[in-house]
């Protein structure tokens, strides 16, 4: 593979935050001398997100555009399926988990292991906290996810996850959830295939600008959780030969 690393970034109306994030990623990659491609998936933005990032001078930057807003999960899936790197990272447009956290992840890569950032480990550093209502919603959601899907993953929703190429292609090709519930769906698909998932502590900074509607998106994500549970009961997620 030409690129050691693919960095996938879903974006929706990110004209203010994304250019700053991309510049920081560019500086990081240059400093570390890493061979990488950056894939931005614009999810039907109505602002000047695409125009702003086209003005940046960044090598190996690829822009994919969805004609309409399809959801974060759809955008990440599209980016991952286009990625060519030996390892594939997806991260958020606001750089809430700083790209520098990748140092620790790359030092622990394994071709059979998915590495995911976690805000709930003792060693994690929450430098800018979420509002209390967001914290409470997150904790309730995390409880339900652990009750219905996982027992031993503390944080499925942190937007900083690193996959070996083959694993990513296999599980994302079977992803069915297009919005916020995609995180726990792909992790469940990985578990069904017997892949190892390791949580690593990260530094995390909450952005005051949020695309999340607390009521609407919480209800939608809960319904997605039920949808995944029903898919498991019905045997929808078939394990293909060779994983």
Protein backbone atom coordinates (compact mmCIF):
# COMPACT_ATOMS: atom_id res chain seq x y z
CA UNK A 1 0.00 0.00 0.00
CA UNK A 2 1.28 3.45 -0.88
CA UNK A 3 0.11 5.13 2.34
CA UNK A 4 0.85 3.85 5.79
CA UNK A 5 -2.09 5.77 7.22
CA UNK A 6 -5.50 6.99 6.06
CA UNK A 7 -7.22 9.67 8.14
CA UNK A 8 -10.98 9.89 7.56
CA UNK A 9 -12.83 13.00 8.73
CA UNK A 10 -16.61 13.35 8.39
CA UNK A 11 -17.73 16.97 8.08
CA UNK A 12 -21.01 18.85 8.08
CA UNK A 13 -20.97 22.67 8.06
CA UNK A 14 -17.42 22.81 9.41
CA UNK A 15 -16.09 25.89 7.60
CA UNK A 16 -14.73 27.35 10.86
CA UNK A 17 -13.28 24.33 12.65
CA UNK A 18 -12.13 21.98 9.92
CA UNK A 19 -9.44 24.17 8.28
CA UNK A 20 -7.75 24.57 11.68
CA UNK A 21 -7.94 20.82 12.29
CA UNK A 22 -6.52 20.01 8.86
CA UNK A 23 -3.60 22.39 9.34
CA UNK A 24 -2.82 20.77 12.68
CA UNK A 25 -2.95 17.30 11.09
CA UNK A 26 -0.71 18.46 8.26
CA UNK A 27 1.85 19.81 10.74
CA UNK A 28 1.71 16.60 12.75
CA UNK A 29 2.23 14.35 9.72
CA UNK A 30 5.15 16.47 8.51
CA UNK A 31 6.77 16.45 11.93
CA UNK A 32 6.45 12.68 12.23
CA UNK A 33 7.34 12.10 8.56
CA UNK A 34 4.32 9.83 8.15
CA UNK A 35 3.07 8.68 4.77
CA UNK A 36 -0.63 9.41 4.88
CA UNK A 37 -3.73 10.38 2.97
CA UNK A 38 -6.44 12.58 4.44
CA UNK A 39 -10.01 11.90 3.33
CA UNK A 40 -12.63 14.52 4.16
CA UNK A 41 -16.20 13.38 3.57
CA UNK A 42 -18.43 16.42 3.30
CA UNK A 43 -21.89 15.30 4.33
CA UNK A 44 -24.06 17.71 2.37
CA UNK A 45 -22.78 20.92 3.97
CA UNK A 46 -24.73 24.10 3.23
CA UNK A 47 -21.89 26.46 4.19
CA UNK A 48 -18.49 26.95 2.53
CA UNK A 49 -16.77 23.93 4.12
CA UNK A 50 -15.61 22.49 0.78
CA UNK A 51 -14.47 25.82 -0.61
CA UNK A 52 -12.47 26.57 2.53
CA UNK A 53 -10.58 23.29 2.56
CA UNK A 54 -9.91 23.41 -1.18
CA UNK A 55 -7.94 26.57 -0.49
CA UNK A 56 -5.55 24.69 1.79
CA UNK A 57 -2.25 23.44 0.44
CA UNK A 58 -2.18 19.92 1.80
CA UNK A 59 -0.70 16.97 -0.05
CA UNK A 60 -2.76 13.81 -0.37
CA UNK A 61 -5.97 15.55 0.68
CA UNK A 62 -9.04 13.99 -0.91
CA UNK A 63 -12.55 15.45 -0.69
CA UNK A 64 -15.65 13.29 -1.08
CA UNK A 65 -19.02 15.02 -1.24
CA UNK A 66 -22.46 13.70 -0.38
CA UNK A 67 -25.19 15.53 -2.30
CA UNK A 68 -27.38 15.61 0.82
CA UNK A 69 -26.81 15.07 4.52
CA UNK A 70 -26.77 11.31 5.10
CA UNK A 71 -25.38 11.11 8.63
CA UNK A 72 -22.01 10.79 10.32
CA UNK A 73 -22.02 7.01 10.08
CA UNK A 74 -22.63 7.11 6.34
CA UNK A 75 -19.86 9.66 5.86
CA UNK A 76 -17.33 7.65 7.86
CA UNK A 77 -18.27 4.45 6.04
CA UNK A 78 -17.80 6.11 2.66
CA UNK A 79 -14.41 7.45 3.67
CA UNK A 80 -13.21 4.16 5.11
CA UNK A 81 -14.25 2.19 2.03
CA UNK A 82 -12.27 4.66 -0.12
CA UNK A 83 -9.20 4.53 2.13
CA UNK A 84 -6.01 2.84 0.97
CA UNK A 85 -3.80 3.08 4.05
CA UNK A 86 -2.36 0.15 5.95
CA UNK A 87 -4.11 1.61 9.00
CA UNK A 88 -7.27 3.71 8.93
CA UNK A 89 -8.08 6.33 11.55
CA UNK A 90 -11.32 8.20 11.76
CA UNK A 91 -11.43 11.36 13.81
CA UNK A 92 -13.67 14.38 14.28
CA UNK A 93 -13.58 17.68 12.41
CA UNK A 94 -13.20 19.65 15.65
CA UNK A 95 -10.03 17.78 16.73
CA UNK A 96 -11.65 17.17 20.12
CA UNK A 97 -9.22 14.29 20.52
CA UNK A 98 -5.99 15.99 19.41
CA UNK A 99 -4.21 14.32 16.51
CA UNK A 100 -1.09 14.08 18.69
CA UNK A 101 -2.82 11.24 20.57
CA UNK A 102 -2.02 9.14 17.52
CA UNK A 103 1.54 8.74 18.85
CA UNK A 104 0.33 6.34 21.51
CA UNK A 105 -1.95 4.49 19.10
CA UNK A 106 0.71 3.90 16.45
CA UNK A 107 3.09 2.59 19.09
CA UNK A 108 0.61 -0.21 19.87
CA UNK A 109 -0.75 -1.21 16.46
CA UNK A 110 -1.53 -4.85 15.78
CA UNK A 111 -3.05 -6.30 12.61
CA UNK A 112 -5.75 -8.09 14.61
CA UNK A 113 -6.62 -5.28 17.04
CA UNK A 114 -8.83 -2.20 16.86
CA UNK A 115 -7.64 0.68 19.02
CA UNK A 116 -10.29 3.10 20.26
CA UNK A 117 -10.00 6.28 22.27
CA UNK A 118 -11.73 6.32 25.63
CA UNK A 119 -12.64 9.29 27.80
CA UNK A 120 -13.59 7.08 30.73
CA UNK A 121 -10.27 5.50 31.64
CA UNK A 122 -8.39 6.60 34.73
CA UNK A 123 -5.48 7.89 32.63
CA UNK A 124 -7.69 9.95 30.27
CA UNK A 125 -7.55 13.73 30.47
CA UNK A 126 -10.76 15.71 30.02
CA UNK A 127 -9.42 19.22 29.58
CA UNK A 128 -12.67 20.88 28.48
CA UNK A 129 -15.80 19.24 29.87
CA UNK A 130 -19.21 18.84 28.30
CA UNK A 131 -22.26 20.58 29.80
CA UNK A 132 -23.80 18.50 32.59
CA UNK A 133 -26.91 17.56 30.59
CA UNK A 134 -24.67 16.14 27.83
CA UNK A 135 -22.70 14.20 30.44
CA UNK A 136 -25.88 12.68 31.90
CA UNK A 137 -27.25 11.75 28.47
CA UNK A 138 -23.91 10.19 27.58
CA UNK A 139 -23.79 8.14 30.75
CA UNK A 140 -27.34 6.86 30.26
CA UNK A 141 -26.57 5.95 26.66
CA UNK A 142 -23.35 4.23 27.65
CA UNK A 143 -25.24 2.19 30.27
CA UNK A 144 -27.76 1.00 27.68
CA UNK A 145 -25.04 0.18 25.15
CA UNK A 146 -23.16 -1.90 27.72
CA UNK A 147 -26.39 -3.58 28.80
CA UNK A 148 -27.54 -4.55 25.30
CA UNK A 149 -24.31 -4.98 23.32
CA UNK A 150 -21.10 -4.92 25.36
CA UNK A 151 -20.03 -5.59 28.91
CA UNK A 152 -16.44 -4.48 28.79
CA UNK A 153 -16.19 -1.37 26.59
CA UNK A 154 -16.39 1.83 28.59
CA UNK A 155 -16.61 4.36 25.74
CA UNK A 156 -17.95 3.42 22.31
CA UNK A 157 -18.63 6.98 21.16
CA UNK A 158 -15.25 8.72 21.30
CA UNK A 159 -14.52 9.84 17.73
CA UNK A 160 -10.96 8.55 17.54
CA UNK A 161 -10.58 4.97 16.33
CA UNK A 162 -7.76 3.19 14.50
CA UNK A 163 -8.33 0.07 12.39
CA UNK A 164 -6.04 -2.23 10.44
CA UNK A 165 -6.96 -2.00 6.75
CA UNK A 166 -8.42 -5.49 6.35
CA UNK A 167 -10.54 -5.29 9.50
CA UNK A 168 -11.93 -1.89 8.55
CA UNK A 169 -12.93 -2.97 5.06
CA UNK A 170 -14.71 -6.07 6.34
CA UNK A 171 -16.77 -4.52 9.11
CA UNK A 172 -17.61 -1.20 7.47
CA UNK A 173 -18.86 -3.00 4.36
CA UNK A 174 -21.56 -4.55 6.57
CA UNK A 175 -22.43 -1.36 8.46
CA UNK A 176 -26.13 -0.50 8.27
CA UNK A 177 -26.46 2.46 10.66
CA UNK A 178 -25.96 5.85 9.01
CA UNK A 179 -25.97 8.15 12.01
CA UNK A 180 -24.50 8.28 15.51
CA UNK A 181 -25.21 4.65 16.35
CA UNK A 182 -22.67 3.46 13.79
CA UNK A 183 -19.87 3.46 16.38
CA UNK A 184 -21.32 0.68 18.48
CA UNK A 185 -22.53 -1.19 15.41
CA UNK A 186 -19.06 -1.50 13.90
CA UNK A 187 -17.58 -2.47 17.25
CA UNK A 188 -20.22 -5.17 17.62
CA UNK A 189 -19.42 -6.41 14.11
CA UNK A 190 -15.76 -6.59 15.12
CA UNK A 191 -16.63 -8.53 18.26
CA UNK A 192 -18.69 -11.02 16.26
CA UNK A 193 -15.62 -11.70 14.13
CA UNK A 194 -13.42 -12.26 17.14
CA UNK A 195 -11.24 -9.18 16.70
CA UNK A 196 -9.65 -7.65 19.72
CA UNK A 197 -10.74 -4.15 20.78
CA UNK A 198 -8.50 -2.14 23.08
CA UNK A 199 -9.43 1.13 24.73
CA UNK A 200 -6.64 3.64 25.11
CA UNK A 201 -6.76 6.80 27.23
CA UNK A 202 -6.91 10.09 25.36
CA UNK A 203 -6.91 13.80 26.00
CA UNK A 204 -10.31 15.23 25.12
CA UNK A 205 -11.55 18.80 24.69
CA UNK A 206 -15.25 19.45 24.30
CA UNK A 207 -16.08 21.93 21.55
CA UNK A 208 -18.70 24.57 22.45
CA UNK A 209 -20.12 24.21 18.93
CA UNK A 210 -22.16 21.04 18.60
CA UNK A 211 -24.08 19.47 15.73
CA UNK A 212 -25.94 17.20 18.17
CA UNK A 213 -29.60 17.81 18.97
CA UNK A 214 -29.84 16.45 22.53
CA UNK A 215 -33.43 15.17 22.29
CA UNK A 216 -33.74 14.23 18.64
CA UNK A 217 -30.35 12.57 18.29
CA UNK A 218 -30.56 10.80 21.65
CA UNK A 219 -33.90 9.24 20.69
CA UNK A 220 -32.61 8.33 17.22
CA UNK A 221 -29.49 6.72 18.68
CA UNK A 222 -31.59 4.72 21.16
CA UNK A 223 -33.74 3.45 18.27
CA UNK A 224 -30.57 2.52 16.38
CA UNK A 225 -29.42 0.55 19.40
CA UNK A 226 -32.69 -1.39 19.39
CA UNK A 227 -32.35 -1.89 15.62
CA UNK A 228 -28.88 -3.41 16.07
CA UNK A 229 -30.14 -5.66 18.85
CA UNK A 230 -32.95 -6.92 16.60
CA UNK A 231 -30.47 -7.51 13.77
CA UNK A 232 -28.41 -9.65 16.12
CA UNK A 233 -31.45 -11.68 17.14
CA UNK A 234 -32.44 -12.19 13.48
CA UNK A 235 -28.91 -13.14 12.44
CA UNK A 236 -28.60 -10.26 9.98
CA UNK A 237 -24.88 -9.78 10.54
CA UNK A 238 -23.48 -12.79 8.74
CA UNK A 239 -19.80 -13.60 9.27
CA UNK A 240 -18.27 -14.19 5.90
CA UNK A 241 -15.61 -16.82 5.34
CA UNK A 242 -12.19 -15.37 6.18
CA UNK A 243 -14.00 -12.75 8.27
